[in-house]
C-alpha atoms as a PDB file:
ATOM      1  CA  UNK A   1     -41.496  26.682-143.588  1.00  0.00           C
ATOM      2  CA  UNK A   2     -42.382  24.848-146.756  1.00  0.00           C
ATOM      3  CA  UNK A   3     -43.037  26.637-150.014  1.00  0.00           C
ATOM      4  CA  UNK A   4     -45.224  25.035-152.655  1.00  0.00           C
ATOM      5  CA  UNK A   5     -45.389  26.255-156.219  1.00  0.00           C
ATOM      6  CA  UNK A   6     -47.922  24.818-158.642  1.00  0.00           C
ATOM      7  CA  UNK A   7     -47.652  24.985-162.392  1.00  0.00           C
ATOM      8  CA  UNK A   8     -49.057  23.362-165.481  1.00  0.00           C
ATOM      9  CA  UNK A   9     -52.554  24.753-165.519  1.00  0.00           C
ATOM     10  CA  UNK A  10     -54.123  26.284-168.572  1.00  0.00           C
ATOM     11  CA  UNK A  11     -56.932  26.156-171.073  1.00  0.00           C
ATOM     12  CA  UNK A  12     -57.674  22.801-172.646  1.00  0.00           C
ATOM     13  CA  UNK A  13     -60.519  21.357-174.667  1.00  0.00           C
ATOM     14  CA  UNK A  14     -62.747  18.684-173.256  1.00  0.00           C
ATOM     15  CA  UNK A  15     -61.154  15.297-173.695  1.00  0.00           C
ATOM     16  CA  UNK A  16     -57.669  16.712-173.417  1.00  0.00           C
ATOM     17  CA  UNK A  17     -54.981  16.231-170.799  1.00  0.00           C
ATOM     18  CA  UNK A  18     -52.888  18.304-168.453  1.00  0.00           C
ATOM     19  CA  UNK A  19     -50.094  17.548-166.044  1.00  0.00           C
ATOM     20  CA  UNK A  20     -49.953  19.736-162.975  1.00  0.00           C
ATOM     21  CA  UNK A  21     -46.764  20.049-160.975  1.00  0.00           C
ATOM     22  CA  UNK A  22     -46.179  21.048-157.376  1.00  0.00           C
ATOM     23  CA  UNK A  23     -42.602  21.818-156.412  1.00  0.00           C
ATOM     24  CA  UNK A  24     -41.781  21.856-152.717  1.00  0.00           C
ATOM     25  CA  UNK A  25     -38.884  23.782-151.250  1.00  0.00           C
ATOM     26  CA  UNK A  26     -37.673  25.027-147.893  1.00  0.00           C
ATOM     27  CA  UNK A  27     -37.795  22.854-144.785  1.00  0.00           C
ATOM     28  CA  UNK A  28     -39.325  19.820-146.472  1.00  0.00           C
ATOM     29  CA  UNK A  29     -38.130  17.286-143.919  1.00  0.00           C
ATOM     30  CA  UNK A  30     -41.037  15.487-142.317  1.00  0.00           C
ATOM     31  CA  UNK A  31     -43.561  15.895-145.116  1.00  0.00           C
ATOM     32  CA  UNK A  32     -45.833  12.881-144.740  1.00  0.00           C
ATOM     33  CA  UNK A  33     -48.258  13.417-147.574  1.00  0.00           C
ATOM     34  CA  UNK A  34     -48.953  15.640-150.516  1.00  0.00           C
ATOM     35  CA  UNK A  35     -52.470  16.480-151.664  1.00  0.00           C
ATOM     36  CA  UNK A  36     -54.207  18.067-154.606  1.00  0.00           C
ATOM     37  CA  UNK A  37     -57.414  20.000-154.051  1.00  0.00           C
ATOM     38  CA  UNK A  38     -59.522  22.042-156.405  1.00  0.00           C
ATOM     39  CA  UNK A  39     -61.991  24.846-156.026  1.00  0.00           C
ATOM     40  CA  UNK A  40     -64.485  25.894-158.644  1.00  0.00           C
ATOM     41  CA  UNK A  41     -66.046  29.370-158.528  1.00  0.00           C
ATOM     42  CA  UNK A  42     -68.647  29.577-155.805  1.00  0.00           C
ATOM     43  CA  UNK A  43     -67.914  26.097-154.508  1.00  0.00           C
ATOM     44  CA  UNK A  44     -65.958  24.637-151.637  1.00  0.00           C
ATOM     45  CA  UNK A  45     -62.444  23.331-151.972  1.00  0.00           C
ATOM     46  CA  UNK A  46     -62.564  19.604-152.675  1.00  0.00           C
ATOM     47  CA  UNK A  47     -59.987  16.865-152.423  1.00  0.00           C
ATOM     48  CA  UNK A  48     -58.759  15.492-155.739  1.00  0.00           C
ATOM     49  CA  UNK A  49     -55.989  13.071-154.774  1.00  0.00           C
ATOM     50  CA  UNK A  50     -53.191  12.453-152.320  1.00  0.00           C
ATOM     51  CA  UNK A  51     -49.967  10.508-152.076  1.00  0.00           C
ATOM     52  CA  UNK A  52     -48.220   9.547-148.862  1.00  0.00           C
ATOM     53  CA  UNK A  53     -44.519   9.325-148.179  1.00  0.00           C
ATOM     54  CA  UNK A  54     -44.943   5.562-148.419  1.00  0.00           C
ATOM     55  CA  UNK A  55     -46.429   5.835-151.881  1.00  0.00           C
ATOM     56  CA  UNK A  56     -50.059   5.175-151.021  1.00  0.00           C
ATOM     57  CA  UNK A  57     -52.421   7.052-153.289  1.00  0.00           C
ATOM     58  CA  UNK A  58     -56.097   7.812-153.201  1.00  0.00           C
ATOM     59  CA  UNK A  59     -58.480   9.651-155.489  1.00  0.00           C
ATOM     60  CA  UNK A  60     -61.798  11.379-155.363  1.00  0.00           C
ATOM     61  CA  UNK A  61     -64.506   9.444-157.159  1.00  0.00           C
ATOM     62  CA  UNK A  62     -64.831  12.305-159.641  1.00  0.00           C
ATOM     63  CA  UNK A  63     -61.304  11.723-161.002  1.00  0.00           C
ATOM     64  CA  UNK A  64     -60.821   7.989-160.517  1.00  0.00           C
ATOM     65  CA  UNK A  65     -59.644   6.443-163.737  1.00  0.00           C
ATOM     66  CA  UNK A  66     -58.751   9.853-165.179  1.00  0.00           C
ATOM     67  CA  UNK A  67     -56.244  11.203-162.700  1.00  0.00           C
ATOM     68  CA  UNK A  68     -52.857   9.931-161.581  1.00  0.00           C
ATOM     69  CA  UNK A  69     -50.834  11.408-158.747  1.00  0.00           C
ATOM     70  CA  UNK A  70     -47.132  10.707-158.659  1.00  0.00           C
ATOM     71  CA  UNK A  71     -43.951  12.137-157.224  1.00  0.00           C
ATOM     72  CA  UNK A  72     -40.325  12.640-158.045  1.00  0.00           C
ATOM     73  CA  UNK A  73     -38.427  12.622-154.777  1.00  0.00           C
ATOM     74  CA  UNK A  74     -35.229  13.821-156.412  1.00  0.00           C
ATOM     75  CA  UNK A  75     -37.029  16.950-157.583  1.00  0.00           C
ATOM     76  CA  UNK A  76     -39.270  17.307-154.511  1.00  0.00           C
ATOM     77  CA  UNK A  77     -42.149  17.521-156.927  1.00  0.00           C
ATOM     78  CA  UNK A  78     -45.592  15.967-157.023  1.00  0.00           C
ATOM     79  CA  UNK A  79     -47.559  15.654-160.217  1.00  0.00           C
ATOM     80  CA  UNK A  80     -51.200  15.293-161.078  1.00  0.00           C
ATOM     81  CA  UNK A  81     -51.850  13.901-164.539  1.00  0.00           C
ATOM     82  CA  UNK A  82     -55.418  14.539-165.611  1.00  0.00           C
ATOM     83  CA  UNK A  83     -56.810  12.867-168.720  1.00  0.00           C
ATOM     84  CA  UNK A  84     -60.184  12.939-170.440  1.00  0.00           C
ATOM     85  CA  UNK A  85     -60.808  16.362-168.971  1.00  0.00           C
ATOM     86  CA  UNK A  86     -64.365  17.571-168.629  1.00  0.00           C
ATOM     87  CA  UNK A  87     -65.757  21.098-168.280  1.00  0.00           C
ATOM     88  CA  UNK A  88     -66.635  20.257-164.684  1.00  0.00           C
ATOM     89  CA  UNK A  89     -62.925  19.835-163.978  1.00  0.00           C
ATOM     90  CA  UNK A  90     -62.572  23.593-164.380  1.00  0.00           C
ATOM     91  CA  UNK A  91     -61.216  24.960-161.111  1.00  0.00           C
ATOM     92  CA  UNK A  92     -58.198  26.377-159.367  1.00  0.00           C
ATOM     93  CA  UNK A  93     -56.034  23.434-158.356  1.00  0.00           C
ATOM     94  CA  UNK A  94     -54.127  23.735-155.100  1.00  0.00           C
ATOM     95  CA  UNK A  95     -51.246  21.696-153.767  1.00  0.00           C
ATOM     96  CA  UNK A  96     -51.105  20.901-150.068  1.00  0.00           C
ATOM     97  CA  UNK A  97     -48.372  19.392-147.926  1.00  0.00           C
ATOM     98  CA  UNK A  98     -48.805  17.855-144.496  1.00  0.00           C
ATOM     99  CA  UNK A  99     -45.691  17.931-142.377  1.00  0.00           C
ATOM    100  CA  UNK A 100     -45.181  16.231-139.060  1.00  0.00           C
ATOM    101  CA  UNK A 101     -42.271  17.190-136.836  1.00  0.00           C
ATOM    102  CA  UNK A 102     -42.237  15.656-133.370  1.00  0.00           C
ATOM    103  CA  UNK A 103     -45.782  16.271-132.071  1.00  0.00           C
ATOM    104  CA  UNK A 104     -46.547  19.152-134.397  1.00  0.00           C
ATOM    105  CA  UNK A 105     -48.492  18.812-137.628  1.00  0.00           C
ATOM    106  CA  UNK A 106     -48.462  21.661-140.139  1.00  0.00           C
ATOM    107  CA  UNK A 107     -50.151  22.164-143.445  1.00  0.00           C
ATOM    108  CA  UNK A 108     -48.897  24.280-146.292  1.00  0.00           C
ATOM    109  CA  UNK A 109     -50.676  25.481-149.408  1.00  0.00           C
ATOM    110  CA  UNK A 110     -49.550  26.630-152.787  1.00  0.00           C
ATOM    111  CA  UNK A 111     -51.003  29.617-154.572  1.00  0.00           C
ATOM    112  CA  UNK A 112     -53.011  27.492-157.013  1.00  0.00           C
ATOM    113  CA  UNK A 113     -53.038  27.009-160.735  1.00  0.00           C
ATOM    114  CA  UNK A 114     -56.075  27.602-162.928  1.00  0.00           C
ATOM    115  CA  UNK A 115     -57.405  24.788-165.083  1.00  0.00           C
ATOM    116  CA  UNK A 116     -60.097  25.683-167.579  1.00  0.00           C
ATOM    117  CA  UNK A 117     -61.729  23.008-169.714  1.00  0.00           C
ATOM    118  CA  UNK A 118     -63.767  24.216-172.658  1.00  0.00           C
ATOM    119  CA  UNK A 119     -66.636  22.208-174.094  1.00  0.00           C
END
């Protein structure tokens, strides 16, 4: 089992910045990629960004140029730096880990962290 704990959310004014953290613990061997998703009230959960074990990153168009995903392997932590925040960035942000062991792929989710951007 892998446990994911997000932190760093909060209330910020439009134009501000936040850095979200996702700390992984437990049986973390075999994690191939880490993802950030977000879900606004009444909407589906959408991909924000991901980073692979090889360091490849990708971003949703909505955050390109404003978001940066990174990781600290020593701390088993992935970060999402969000700049120039907009009210439409308001959502619960979830961390996701994809683990592959032998022929089995598992996904794990954190509990989410609320980001609220005021106009």
